[in-house]
Amino acid sequence: MSEQDAWLVDLDGTLYYPLCVKLAMAAELSLLGWRSIATLRSFRKQHEHLRELTAEGAGHVLERELEHSAPSPFHEQLQRTARALGRDPADVERRVMEWMFRRPGKWIRLFRRRALLEEIASFHDGGGKTALVSDYPATEKLERLGYSGLFDAVVANGEADGPRRLKPDPDGYLAAARRLGAEPARCLVLGDRDDADGAAARAAGMQFRLVK
């Protein structure tokens, strides 16, 4: 009998080899998307800032801000990027969606971690419950990856019923456990960042496996 009832899996950097995808996207950006590079850099910077707020125990502050300004941390990140660059929020969102979600699809499929995905599939086929938990919108990427049917639930920032706080807050993983009907102590978190996925798992009372 498995030690876990459920596996809760991060997406970016976990289900595909991140360095390969970053190199491929860097080449594509330099040729076709150089006008969007500054927007993407600022967007990532805002994400890390929001994550630092969470790590410092100020996640409740961000959550209160969201009640008045944005429906999710993802949309707050878009708004902060637009303000920082003095750009139209709609233009920022268009560039981010194009270069961080649509165009990488072919690369994350090519460089997916096949052995890990097969392991997750084996656990799922054996009766284990699975959920994808992401700090970014994940449904489209999961479809591009070709494994949308592998997960019983998707808990993603920026999507319906997504978490209101970023990792390392345990909000997303706890929400996934509730949706699966699994006890936190019987859940295994798989992620590529110990400071985010690992810290969130420990805060939730879950087991953690670092994916390298």
N, C-alpha and C. Protein backbone atom coordinates (compact mmCIF):
# COMPACT_ATOMS: atom_id res chain seq x y z
N MET A 1 0.85 -1.20 0.00
CA MET A 1 0.00 0.00 0.00
C MET A 1 0.88 1.25 0.00
N SER A 2 0.51 2.25 -0.82
CA SER A 2 1.29 3.47 -0.92
C SER A 2 1.26 4.25 0.39
N GLU A 3 2.36 4.96 0.67
CA GLU A 3 2.42 5.81 1.85
C GLU A 3 1.58 7.06 1.68
N GLN A 4 1.18 7.36 0.45
CA GLN A 4 0.39 8.57 0.19
C GLN A 4 -0.92 8.22 -0.50
N ASP A 5 -1.92 9.04 -0.22
CA ASP A 5 -3.20 8.93 -0.91
C ASP A 5 -3.26 9.87 -2.11
N ALA A 6 -2.45 10.94 -2.07
CA ALA A 6 -2.51 11.94 -3.13
C ALA A 6 -1.13 12.53 -3.41
N TRP A 7 -0.88 12.82 -4.69
CA TRP A 7 0.32 13.54 -5.11
C TRP A 7 -0.13 14.90 -5.63
N LEU A 8 0.48 15.95 -5.09
CA LEU A 8 0.19 17.32 -5.48
C LEU A 8 1.42 17.87 -6.20
N VAL A 9 1.25 18.22 -7.46
CA VAL A 9 2.40 18.44 -8.33
C VAL A 9 2.46 19.87 -8.85
N ASP A 10 3.63 20.49 -8.73
CA ASP A 10 3.90 21.78 -9.34
C ASP A 10 4.07 21.57 -10.85
N LEU A 11 3.93 22.64 -11.63
CA LEU A 11 4.06 22.51 -13.08
C LEU A 11 5.39 23.06 -13.59
N ASP A 12 5.57 24.38 -13.51
CA ASP A 12 6.73 25.02 -14.13
C ASP A 12 8.03 24.60 -13.45
N GLY A 13 8.92 24.04 -14.26
CA GLY A 13 10.21 23.57 -13.74
C GLY A 13 10.15 22.18 -13.15
N THR A 14 8.95 21.64 -12.98
CA THR A 14 8.79 20.32 -12.39
C THR A 14 8.41 19.28 -13.44
N LEU A 15 7.45 19.61 -14.29
CA LEU A 15 6.99 18.65 -15.30
C LEU A 15 7.76 18.76 -16.61
N TYR A 16 8.66 19.72 -16.70
CA TYR A 16 9.54 19.81 -17.88
C TYR A 16 10.91 20.31 -17.42
N TYR A 17 11.91 20.15 -18.28
CA TYR A 17 13.27 20.59 -17.95
C TYR A 17 13.37 22.09 -18.20
N PRO A 18 13.45 22.89 -17.15
CA PRO A 18 13.35 24.35 -17.30
C PRO A 18 14.47 24.99 -18.09
N LEU A 19 15.70 24.52 -17.93
CA LEU A 19 16.82 25.15 -18.63
C LEU A 19 16.66 25.02 -20.14
N CYS A 20 16.25 23.86 -20.60
CA CYS A 20 16.06 23.65 -22.04
C CYS A 20 14.99 24.58 -22.58
N VAL A 21 13.90 24.72 -21.85
CA VAL A 21 12.81 25.59 -22.30
C VAL A 21 13.26 27.05 -22.27
N LYS A 22 13.99 27.45 -21.24
CA LYS A 22 14.46 28.84 -21.15
C LYS A 22 15.39 29.18 -22.31
N LEU A 23 16.28 28.27 -22.66
CA LEU A 23 17.21 28.53 -23.77
C LEU A 23 16.46 28.64 -25.09
N ALA A 24 15.49 27.75 -25.30
CA ALA A 24 14.71 27.80 -26.54
C ALA A 24 13.90 29.09 -26.62
N MET A 25 13.30 29.49 -25.51
CA MET A 25 12.50 30.70 -25.50
C MET A 25 13.36 31.95 -25.62
N ALA A 26 14.56 31.91 -25.06
CA ALA A 26 15.47 33.06 -25.19
C ALA A 26 15.83 33.29 -26.65
N ALA A 27 16.07 32.21 -27.39
CA ALA A 27 16.38 32.33 -28.81
C ALA A 27 15.18 32.87 -29.58
N GLU A 28 14.00 32.37 -29.26
CA GLU A 28 12.79 32.82 -29.95
C GLU A 28 12.50 34.29 -29.63
N LEU A 29 12.68 34.66 -28.38
CA LEU A 29 12.46 36.05 -27.99
C LEU A 29 13.42 37.00 -28.69
N SER A 30 14.68 36.61 -28.78
CA SER A 30 15.67 37.49 -29.41
C SER A 30 15.37 37.72 -30.88
N LEU A 31 14.73 36.75 -31.53
CA LEU A 31 14.41 36.86 -32.95
C LEU A 31 13.07 37.52 -33.20
N LEU A 32 12.06 37.15 -32.41
CA LEU A 32 10.69 37.55 -32.72
C LEU A 32 10.01 38.39 -31.64
N GLY A 33 10.54 38.35 -30.43
CA GLY A 33 9.82 39.01 -29.35
C GLY A 33 10.63 40.00 -28.56
N TRP A 34 11.67 40.56 -29.15
CA TRP A 34 12.55 41.42 -28.37
C TRP A 34 11.83 42.64 -27.80
N ARG A 35 10.73 43.06 -28.45
CA ARG A 35 9.99 44.21 -27.93
C ARG A 35 9.27 43.89 -26.62
N SER A 36 9.13 42.60 -26.31
CA SER A 36 8.41 42.19 -25.10
C SER A 36 9.33 41.80 -23.95
N ILE A 37 10.64 41.82 -24.18
CA ILE A 37 11.59 41.35 -23.16
C ILE A 37 11.49 42.17 -21.88
N ALA A 38 11.43 43.49 -21.98
CA ALA A 38 11.36 44.34 -20.78
C ALA A 38 10.09 44.06 -20.00
N THR A 39 8.98 43.82 -20.69
CA THR A 39 7.71 43.52 -20.02
C THR A 39 7.83 42.21 -19.25
N LEU A 40 8.40 41.19 -19.87
CA LEU A 40 8.52 39.88 -19.23
C LEU A 40 9.45 39.94 -18.02
N ARG A 41 10.52 40.68 -18.13
CA ARG A 41 11.45 40.81 -17.00
C ARG A 41 10.77 41.49 -15.82
N SER A 42 10.04 42.54 -16.10
CA SER A 42 9.33 43.24 -15.03
C SER A 42 8.25 42.35 -14.42
N PHE A 43 7.57 41.58 -15.25
CA PHE A 43 6.52 40.68 -14.77
C PHE A 43 7.10 39.65 -13.82
N ARG A 44 8.23 39.05 -14.18
CA ARG A 44 8.87 38.05 -13.31
C ARG A 44 9.35 38.70 -12.01
N LYS A 45 9.87 39.93 -12.11
CA LYS A 45 10.33 40.65 -10.92
C LYS A 45 9.17 40.88 -9.95
N GLN A 46 8.01 41.24 -10.48
CA GLN A 46 6.84 41.45 -9.64
C GLN A 46 6.40 40.16 -8.98
N HIS A 47 6.53 39.05 -9.69
CA HIS A 47 6.15 37.76 -9.12
C HIS A 47 7.03 37.43 -7.91
N GLU A 48 8.33 37.62 -8.07
CA GLU A 48 9.24 37.32 -6.96
C GLU A 48 8.99 38.26 -5.79
N HIS A 49 8.62 39.50 -6.07
CA HIS A 49 8.30 40.44 -4.99
C HIS A 49 7.07 39.97 -4.22
N LEU A 50 6.04 39.55 -4.93
CA LEU A 50 4.84 39.05 -4.26
C LEU A 50 5.14 37.77 -3.49
N ARG A 51 6.01 36.95 -4.03
CA ARG A 51 6.39 35.72 -3.33
C ARG A 51 7.17 36.04 -2.06
N GLU A 52 8.02 37.05 -2.12
CA GLU A 52 8.77 37.47 -0.93
C GLU A 52 7.83 37.97 0.16
N LEU A 53 6.79 38.68 -0.24
CA LEU A 53 5.79 39.12 0.75
C LEU A 53 5.20 37.92 1.48
N THR A 54 4.90 36.88 0.71
CA THR A 54 4.34 35.67 1.30
C THR A 54 5.35 35.00 2.22
N ALA A 55 6.60 34.90 1.77
CA ALA A 55 7.63 34.25 2.57
C ALA A 55 7.89 34.98 3.87
N GLU A 56 7.70 36.30 3.85
CA GLU A 56 7.94 37.10 5.04
C GLU A 56 6.73 37.11 5.98
N GLY A 57 5.72 36.31 5.64
CA GLY A 57 4.54 36.23 6.49
C GLY A 57 3.52 37.32 6.25
N ALA A 58 3.67 38.03 5.11
CA ALA A 58 2.74 39.13 4.81
C ALA A 58 1.72 38.73 3.76
N GLY A 59 1.47 37.44 3.61
CA GLY A 59 0.49 36.98 2.64
C GLY A 59 -0.89 37.54 2.89
N HIS A 60 -1.22 37.76 4.16
CA HIS A 60 -2.53 38.31 4.49
C HIS A 60 -2.67 39.74 3.99
N VAL A 61 -1.54 40.47 3.93
CA VAL A 61 -1.56 41.84 3.41
C VAL A 61 -1.91 41.83 1.93
N LEU A 62 -1.27 40.92 1.18
CA LEU A 62 -1.56 40.79 -0.23
C LEU A 62 -3.02 40.39 -0.45
N GLU A 63 -3.50 39.48 0.37
CA GLU A 63 -4.88 39.02 0.22
C GLU A 63 -5.87 40.18 0.44
N ARG A 64 -5.58 41.04 1.40
CA ARG A 64 -6.46 42.19 1.63
C ARG A 64 -6.42 43.15 0.43
N GLU A 65 -5.23 43.32 -0.15
CA GLU A 65 -5.11 44.19 -1.33
C GLU A 65 -5.92 43.64 -2.49
N LEU A 66 -5.93 42.32 -2.63
CA LEU A 66 -6.65 41.70 -3.75
C LEU A 66 -8.15 41.94 -3.64
N GLU A 67 -8.65 42.08 -2.43
CA GLU A 67 -10.08 42.30 -2.25
C GLU A 67 -10.53 43.61 -2.89
N HIS A 68 -9.57 44.55 -3.06
CA HIS A 68 -9.93 45.87 -3.58
C HIS A 68 -9.37 46.15 -4.97
N SER A 69 -8.41 45.34 -5.44
CA SER A 69 -7.73 45.72 -6.68
C SER A 69 -7.75 44.67 -7.77
N ALA A 70 -7.63 43.39 -7.44
CA ALA A 70 -7.48 42.37 -8.48
C ALA A 70 -8.09 41.05 -8.00
N PRO A 71 -8.57 40.22 -8.94
CA PRO A 71 -9.20 38.96 -8.54
C PRO A 71 -8.24 37.86 -8.11
N SER A 72 -6.93 38.04 -8.35
CA SER A 72 -5.97 37.00 -8.00
C SER A 72 -4.57 37.60 -7.93
N PRO A 73 -3.60 36.91 -7.31
CA PRO A 73 -2.22 37.40 -7.33
C PRO A 73 -1.68 37.55 -8.76
N PHE A 74 -2.11 36.68 -9.68
CA PHE A 74 -1.67 36.77 -11.07
C PHE A 74 -2.11 38.10 -11.68
N HIS A 75 -3.36 38.48 -11.47
CA HIS A 75 -3.84 39.74 -12.03
C HIS A 75 -3.22 40.95 -11.32
N GLU A 76 -2.93 40.80 -10.02
CA GLU A 76 -2.21 41.86 -9.30
C GLU A 76 -0.82 42.03 -9.88
N GLN A 77 -0.19 40.92 -10.24
CA GLN A 77 1.14 40.95 -10.85
C GLN A 77 1.09 41.69 -12.20
N LEU A 78 0.07 41.43 -12.98
CA LEU A 78 -0.09 42.13 -14.26
C LEU A 78 -0.27 43.63 -14.03
N GLN A 79 -1.09 44.01 -13.06
CA GLN A 79 -1.35 45.42 -12.80
C GLN A 79 -0.10 46.13 -12.31
N ARG A 80 0.65 45.47 -11.43
CA ARG A 80 1.88 46.08 -10.91
C ARG A 80 2.90 46.26 -12.03
N THR A 81 2.98 45.31 -12.94
CA THR A 81 3.90 45.41 -14.06
C THR A 81 3.52 46.59 -14.95
N ALA A 82 2.23 46.72 -15.22
CA ALA A 82 1.77 47.84 -16.06
C ALA A 82 2.10 49.18 -15.41
N ARG A 83 1.89 49.29 -14.11
CA ARG A 83 2.21 50.55 -13.42
C ARG A 83 3.70 50.83 -13.43
N ALA A 84 4.51 49.79 -13.21
CA ALA A 84 5.96 49.98 -13.17
C ALA A 84 6.51 50.45 -14.51
N LEU A 85 5.89 49.99 -15.61
CA LEU A 85 6.38 50.31 -16.95
C LEU A 85 5.62 51.46 -17.59
N GLY A 86 4.53 51.90 -16.94
CA GLY A 86 3.71 52.95 -17.52
C GLY A 86 3.02 52.50 -18.80
N ARG A 87 2.58 51.24 -18.80
CA ARG A 87 1.96 50.67 -20.00
C ARG A 87 0.50 50.33 -19.75
N ASP A 88 -0.22 50.14 -20.85
CA ASP A 88 -1.61 49.72 -20.79
C ASP A 88 -1.66 48.29 -20.24
N PRO A 89 -2.44 48.03 -19.18
CA PRO A 89 -2.53 46.67 -18.63
C PRO A 89 -2.92 45.63 -19.66
N ALA A 90 -3.78 45.99 -20.61
CA ALA A 90 -4.19 45.04 -21.64
C ALA A 90 -3.00 44.64 -22.52
N ASP A 91 -2.11 45.59 -22.80
CA ASP A 91 -0.92 45.29 -23.60
C ASP A 91 0.03 44.38 -22.83
N VAL A 92 0.19 44.66 -21.53
CA VAL A 92 1.04 43.80 -20.69
C VAL A 92 0.49 42.38 -20.67
N GLU A 93 -0.81 42.25 -20.47
CA GLU A 93 -1.41 40.91 -20.42
C GLU A 93 -1.25 40.18 -21.75
N ARG A 94 -1.41 40.89 -22.86
CA ARG A 94 -1.26 40.26 -24.17
C ARG A 94 0.15 39.72 -24.37
N ARG A 95 1.15 40.51 -23.99
CA ARG A 95 2.54 40.08 -24.16
C ARG A 95 2.87 38.90 -23.23
N VAL A 96 2.41 38.97 -22.01
CA VAL A 96 2.68 37.90 -21.05
C VAL A 96 2.02 36.59 -21.51
N MET A 97 0.78 36.65 -21.90
CA MET A 97 0.08 35.44 -22.33
C MET A 97 0.72 34.84 -23.58
N GLU A 98 1.16 35.69 -24.48
CA GLU A 98 1.78 35.22 -25.72
C GLU A 98 3.12 34.53 -25.46
N TRP A 99 3.97 35.18 -24.64
CA TRP A 99 5.34 34.73 -24.51
C TRP A 99 5.61 33.83 -23.30
N MET A 100 4.71 33.81 -22.35
CA MET A 100 4.92 32.95 -21.19
C MET A 100 3.99 31.75 -21.14
N PHE A 101 2.93 31.77 -21.97
CA PHE A 101 1.96 30.69 -21.90
C PHE A 101 1.69 30.03 -23.25
N ARG A 102 1.52 30.81 -24.31
CA ARG A 102 1.19 30.20 -25.61
C ARG A 102 2.44 29.69 -26.33
N ARG A 103 3.40 30.56 -26.56
CA ARG A 103 4.57 30.14 -27.33
C ARG A 103 5.43 29.07 -26.65
N PRO A 104 5.57 29.07 -25.32
CA PRO A 104 6.37 28.00 -24.70
C PRO A 104 5.75 26.61 -24.82
N GLY A 105 4.47 26.54 -25.23
CA GLY A 105 3.78 25.24 -25.26
C GLY A 105 4.52 24.17 -26.03
N LYS A 106 5.04 24.51 -27.20
CA LYS A 106 5.74 23.51 -28.03
C LYS A 106 7.03 23.05 -27.37
N TRP A 107 7.66 23.95 -26.63
CA TRP A 107 8.93 23.61 -26.00
C TRP A 107 8.73 22.78 -24.74
N ILE A 108 7.72 23.09 -23.93
CA ILE A 108 7.53 22.29 -22.72
C ILE A 108 7.08 20.87 -23.07
N ARG A 109 6.39 20.73 -24.19
CA ARG A 109 6.02 19.38 -24.64
C ARG A 109 7.27 18.61 -25.09
N LEU A 110 8.14 19.29 -25.84
CA LEU A 110 9.36 18.66 -26.33
C LEU A 110 10.28 18.26 -25.19
N PHE A 111 10.37 19.11 -24.17
CA PHE A 111 11.31 18.89 -23.07
C PHE A 111 10.61 18.43 -21.78
N ARG A 112 9.47 17.78 -21.92
CA ARG A 112 8.76 17.29 -20.73
C ARG A 112 9.55 16.18 -20.05
N ARG A 113 9.36 16.06 -18.74
CA ARG A 113 10.04 15.01 -17.98
C ARG A 113 9.22 13.72 -18.14
N ARG A 114 9.54 12.95 -19.13
CA ARG A 114 8.74 11.77 -19.46
C ARG A 114 8.71 10.75 -18.32
N ALA A 115 9.86 10.49 -17.72
CA ALA A 115 9.93 9.48 -16.65
C ALA A 115 9.07 9.89 -15.47
N LEU A 116 9.11 11.17 -15.10
CA LEU A 116 8.31 11.64 -13.97
C LEU A 116 6.83 11.57 -14.31
N LEU A 117 6.46 11.98 -15.50
CA LEU A 117 5.06 11.94 -15.91
C LEU A 117 4.54 10.51 -15.94
N GLU A 118 5.37 9.58 -16.36
CA GLU A 118 4.97 8.17 -16.36
C GLU A 118 4.81 7.66 -14.93
N GLU A 119 5.65 8.15 -14.02
CA GLU A 119 5.54 7.75 -12.61
C GLU A 119 4.23 8.27 -12.01
N ILE A 120 3.91 9.52 -12.33
CA ILE A 120 2.64 10.09 -11.85
C ILE A 120 1.47 9.31 -12.43
N ALA A 121 1.55 8.97 -13.71
CA ALA A 121 0.48 8.21 -14.36
C ALA A 121 0.32 6.84 -13.71
N SER A 122 1.42 6.20 -13.36
CA SER A 122 1.36 4.89 -12.71
C SER A 122 0.69 4.99 -11.34
N PHE A 123 1.03 6.04 -10.58
CA PHE A 123 0.40 6.27 -9.28
C PHE A 123 -1.10 6.49 -9.45
N HIS A 124 -1.45 7.29 -10.44
CA HIS A 124 -2.86 7.60 -10.69
C HIS A 124 -3.62 6.36 -11.14
N ASP A 125 -3.03 5.58 -12.03
CA ASP A 125 -3.67 4.36 -12.51
C ASP A 125 -3.86 3.34 -11.39
N GLY A 126 -3.00 3.42 -10.38
CA GLY A 126 -3.10 2.51 -9.25
C GLY A 126 -4.10 2.95 -8.19
N GLY A 127 -4.83 4.02 -8.47
CA GLY A 127 -5.85 4.48 -7.54
C GLY A 127 -5.49 5.71 -6.75
N GLY A 128 -4.27 6.23 -6.94
CA GLY A 128 -3.87 7.45 -6.24
C GLY A 128 -4.54 8.68 -6.83
N LYS A 129 -4.74 9.68 -6.00
CA LYS A 129 -5.34 10.93 -6.45
C LYS A 129 -4.24 11.93 -6.80
N THR A 130 -4.50 12.75 -7.79
CA THR A 130 -3.48 13.69 -8.24
C THR A 130 -4.08 15.07 -8.46
N ALA A 131 -3.27 16.10 -8.17
CA ALA A 131 -3.68 17.48 -8.42
C ALA A 131 -2.48 18.28 -8.89
N LEU A 132 -2.72 19.22 -9.77
CA LEU A 132 -1.70 20.16 -10.21
C LEU A 132 -1.89 21.46 -9.44
N VAL A 133 -0.82 21.98 -8.85
CA VAL A 133 -0.90 23.21 -8.05
C VAL A 133 0.15 24.19 -8.58
N SER A 134 -0.31 25.33 -9.08
CA SER A 134 0.61 26.26 -9.73
C SER A 134 0.37 27.69 -9.30
N ASP A 135 1.45 28.47 -9.26
CA ASP A 135 1.37 29.90 -8.97
C ASP A 135 1.05 30.71 -10.23
N TYR A 136 0.86 30.04 -11.36
CA TYR A 136 0.48 30.68 -12.61
C TYR A 136 -0.71 29.93 -13.22
N PRO A 137 -1.45 30.55 -14.13
CA PRO A 137 -2.48 29.81 -14.87
C PRO A 137 -1.85 28.56 -15.49
N ALA A 138 -2.53 27.42 -15.38
CA ALA A 138 -1.88 26.16 -15.74
C ALA A 138 -2.64 25.31 -16.75
N THR A 139 -3.92 25.55 -16.94
CA THR A 139 -4.72 24.65 -17.76
C THR A 139 -4.22 24.59 -19.20
N GLU A 140 -3.93 25.74 -19.80
CA GLU A 140 -3.46 25.75 -21.19
C GLU A 140 -2.11 25.07 -21.33
N LYS A 141 -1.20 25.33 -20.39
CA LYS A 141 0.11 24.68 -20.45
C LYS A 141 -0.02 23.17 -20.30
N LEU A 142 -0.91 22.75 -19.42
CA LEU A 142 -1.11 21.32 -19.20
C LEU A 142 -1.63 20.65 -20.46
N GLU A 143 -2.52 21.33 -21.16
CA GLU A 143 -3.03 20.79 -22.42
C GLU A 143 -1.92 20.71 -23.46
N ARG A 144 -1.09 21.73 -23.53
CA ARG A 144 0.04 21.72 -24.48
C ARG A 144 1.02 20.61 -24.14
N LEU A 145 1.16 20.35 -22.85
CA LEU A 145 2.04 19.29 -22.40
C LEU A 145 1.53 17.92 -22.83
N GLY A 146 0.21 17.82 -23.00
CA GLY A 146 -0.39 16.57 -23.44
C GLY A 146 -0.83 15.66 -22.31
N TYR A 147 -0.98 16.23 -21.09
CA TYR A 147 -1.32 15.40 -19.93
C TYR A 147 -2.48 15.99 -19.13
N SER A 148 -3.42 16.64 -19.78
CA SER A 148 -4.51 17.28 -19.05
C SER A 148 -5.38 16.27 -18.32
N GLY A 149 -5.43 15.02 -18.80
CA GLY A 149 -6.26 14.01 -18.14
C GLY A 149 -5.58 13.30 -16.99
N LEU A 150 -4.34 13.70 -16.71
CA LEU A 150 -3.57 13.02 -15.67
C LEU A 150 -3.93 13.48 -14.26
N PHE A 151 -4.57 14.66 -14.14
CA PHE A 151 -4.81 15.23 -12.83
C PHE A 151 -6.31 15.33 -12.53
N ASP A 152 -6.66 14.95 -11.32
CA ASP A 152 -8.05 15.00 -10.89
C ASP A 152 -8.51 16.41 -10.57
N ALA A 153 -7.57 17.29 -10.28
CA ALA A 153 -7.91 18.69 -9.96
C ALA A 153 -6.75 19.59 -10.37
N VAL A 154 -7.09 20.81 -10.74
CA VAL A 154 -6.09 21.84 -11.06
C VAL A 154 -6.37 23.05 -10.18
N VAL A 155 -5.40 23.41 -9.36
CA VAL A 155 -5.50 24.59 -8.49
C VAL A 155 -4.44 25.58 -8.96
N ALA A 156 -4.87 26.61 -9.68
CA ALA A 156 -3.90 27.49 -10.33
C ALA A 156 -4.24 28.96 -10.09
N ASN A 157 -3.25 29.72 -9.71
CA ASN A 157 -3.37 31.16 -9.55
C ASN A 157 -3.79 31.77 -10.89
N GLY A 158 -4.80 32.64 -10.85
CA GLY A 158 -5.26 33.28 -12.07
C GLY A 158 -6.41 32.56 -12.74
N GLU A 159 -6.79 31.38 -12.21
CA GLU A 159 -7.91 30.63 -12.75
C GLU A 159 -9.02 30.54 -11.70
N ALA A 160 -10.18 30.09 -12.12
CA ALA A 160 -11.33 30.03 -11.21
C ALA A 160 -11.00 29.21 -9.97
N ASP A 161 -11.38 29.74 -8.81
CA ASP A 161 -11.15 29.07 -7.52
C ASP A 161 -9.68 28.82 -7.24
N GLY A 162 -8.81 29.65 -7.81
CA GLY A 162 -7.38 29.52 -7.57
C GLY A 162 -6.99 30.05 -6.21
N PRO A 163 -5.75 29.78 -5.76
CA PRO A 163 -5.31 30.25 -4.44
C PRO A 163 -5.20 31.76 -4.40
N ARG A 164 -5.40 32.32 -3.22
CA ARG A 164 -5.32 33.76 -3.02
C ARG A 164 -3.94 34.19 -2.53
N ARG A 165 -3.10 33.20 -2.26
CA ARG A 165 -1.74 33.49 -1.81
C ARG A 165 -0.76 32.62 -2.60
N LEU A 166 0.45 33.14 -2.80
CA LEU A 166 1.47 32.40 -3.53
C LEU A 166 2.26 31.49 -2.60
N LYS A 167 2.91 30.48 -3.16
CA LYS A 167 3.85 29.68 -2.39
C LYS A 167 4.97 30.61 -1.92
N PRO A 168 5.51 30.45 -0.74
CA PRO A 168 5.45 29.27 0.14
C PRO A 168 4.25 29.20 1.06
N ASP A 169 3.25 30.05 0.89
CA ASP A 169 2.02 29.86 1.65
C ASP A 169 1.39 28.53 1.23
N PRO A 170 0.85 27.76 2.16
CA PRO A 170 0.31 26.44 1.83
C PRO A 170 -1.09 26.46 1.23
N ASP A 171 -1.65 27.65 1.01
CA ASP A 171 -3.04 27.79 0.57
C ASP A 171 -3.39 26.88 -0.61
N GLY A 172 -2.56 26.92 -1.66
CA GLY A 172 -2.85 26.14 -2.86
C GLY A 172 -2.84 24.64 -2.62
N TYR A 173 -1.85 24.16 -1.87
CA TYR A 173 -1.76 22.72 -1.60
C TYR A 173 -2.87 22.25 -0.67
N LEU A 174 -3.23 23.07 0.29
CA LEU A 174 -4.33 22.70 1.18
C LEU A 174 -5.65 22.66 0.42
N ALA A 175 -5.83 23.62 -0.51
CA ALA A 175 -7.05 23.62 -1.32
C ALA A 175 -7.11 22.37 -2.19
N ALA A 176 -5.96 21.96 -2.74
CA ALA A 176 -5.92 20.75 -3.56
C ALA A 176 -6.27 19.51 -2.74
N ALA A 177 -5.74 19.44 -1.53
CA ALA A 177 -6.04 18.29 -0.67
C ALA A 177 -7.52 18.22 -0.36
N ARG A 178 -8.13 19.38 -0.10
CA ARG A 178 -9.58 19.40 0.18
C ARG A 178 -10.38 18.92 -1.02
N ARG A 179 -10.00 19.38 -2.21
CA ARG A 179 -10.73 18.97 -3.41
C ARG A 179 -10.61 17.46 -3.66
N LEU A 180 -9.47 16.90 -3.29
CA LEU A 180 -9.27 15.46 -3.49
C LEU A 180 -9.82 14.63 -2.34
N GLY A 181 -10.18 15.28 -1.25
CA GLY A 181 -10.65 14.55 -0.08
C GLY A 181 -9.54 13.79 0.61
N ALA A 182 -8.33 14.37 0.60
CA ALA A 182 -7.16 13.71 1.17
C ALA A 182 -6.67 14.46 2.41
N GLU A 183 -6.20 13.72 3.40
CA GLU A 183 -5.60 14.32 4.59
C GLU A 183 -4.22 14.87 4.23
N PRO A 184 -3.86 16.07 4.70
CA PRO A 184 -2.56 16.64 4.37
C PRO A 184 -1.39 15.71 4.67
N ALA A 185 -1.45 14.99 5.79
CA ALA A 185 -0.35 14.10 6.15
C ALA A 185 -0.18 12.94 5.18
N ARG A 186 -1.21 12.68 4.38
CA ARG A 186 -1.17 11.59 3.40
C ARG A 186 -0.92 12.11 1.99
N CYS A 187 -0.46 13.37 1.89
CA CYS A 187 -0.18 13.98 0.60
C CYS A 187 1.32 14.14 0.38
N LEU A 188 1.75 13.92 -0.85
CA LEU A 188 3.13 14.16 -1.25
C LEU A 188 3.16 15.30 -2.25
N VAL A 189 3.97 16.32 -1.98
CA VAL A 189 4.15 17.44 -2.90
C VAL A 189 5.40 17.19 -3.74
N LEU A 190 5.28 17.35 -5.05
CA LEU A 190 6.41 17.24 -5.95
C LEU A 190 6.67 18.61 -6.56
N GLY A 191 7.87 19.14 -6.36
CA GLY A 191 8.18 20.46 -6.89
C GLY A 191 9.66 20.65 -7.07
N ASP A 192 10.03 21.70 -7.82
CA ASP A 192 11.44 21.92 -8.15
C ASP A 192 12.10 22.99 -7.28
N ARG A 193 11.32 23.61 -6.36
CA ARG A 193 11.90 24.64 -5.50
C ARG A 193 11.60 24.34 -4.04
N ASP A 194 12.66 24.10 -3.28
CA ASP A 194 12.46 23.82 -1.86
C ASP A 194 11.98 25.07 -1.12
N ASP A 195 12.40 26.26 -1.59
CA ASP A 195 12.00 27.50 -0.91
C ASP A 195 10.56 27.88 -1.19
N ALA A 196 9.95 27.26 -2.17
CA ALA A 196 8.55 27.55 -2.49
C ALA A 196 7.68 26.33 -2.26
N ASP A 197 7.85 25.30 -3.11
CA ASP A 197 7.05 24.08 -2.97
C ASP A 197 7.35 23.36 -1.66
N GLY A 198 8.64 23.23 -1.34
CA GLY A 198 9.01 22.53 -0.12
C GLY A 198 8.53 23.23 1.13
N ALA A 199 8.72 24.54 1.17
CA ALA A 199 8.28 25.32 2.34
C ALA A 199 6.76 25.26 2.48
N ALA A 200 6.05 25.33 1.35
CA ALA A 200 4.59 25.25 1.40
C ALA A 200 4.13 23.88 1.88
N ALA A 201 4.80 22.83 1.42
CA ALA A 201 4.45 21.48 1.84
C ALA A 201 4.64 21.31 3.34
N ARG A 202 5.76 21.79 3.85
CA ARG A 202 6.03 21.65 5.29
C ARG A 202 5.02 22.45 6.11
N ALA A 203 4.65 23.64 5.62
CA ALA A 203 3.67 24.45 6.33
C ALA A 203 2.30 23.78 6.34
N ALA A 204 2.03 22.97 5.31
CA ALA A 204 0.75 22.27 5.22
C ALA A 204 0.76 20.93 5.94
N GLY A 205 1.92 20.51 6.48
CA GLY A 205 2.02 19.20 7.12
C GLY A 205 2.06 18.07 6.12
N MET A 206 2.62 18.34 4.92
CA MET A 206 2.69 17.34 3.87
C MET A 206 4.13 16.88 3.65
N GLN A 207 4.28 15.77 2.99
CA GLN A 207 5.59 15.28 2.59
C GLN A 207 6.03 16.00 1.33
N PHE A 208 7.36 16.05 1.11
CA PHE A 208 7.88 16.78 -0.05
C PHE A 208 8.97 15.99 -0.74
N ARG A 209 8.94 16.06 -2.06
CA ARG A 209 9.98 15.44 -2.89
C ARG A 209 10.48 16.48 -3.86
N LEU A 210 11.78 16.77 -3.79
CA LEU A 210 12.39 17.77 -4.66
C LEU A 210 12.70 17.14 -6.01
N VAL A 211 12.22 17.77 -7.07
CA VAL A 211 12.47 17.32 -8.44
C VAL A 211 13.61 18.13 -9.01
N LYS A 212 14.66 17.45 -9.43
CA LYS A 212 15.84 18.13 -9.97
C LYS A 212 16.01 17.78 -11.44
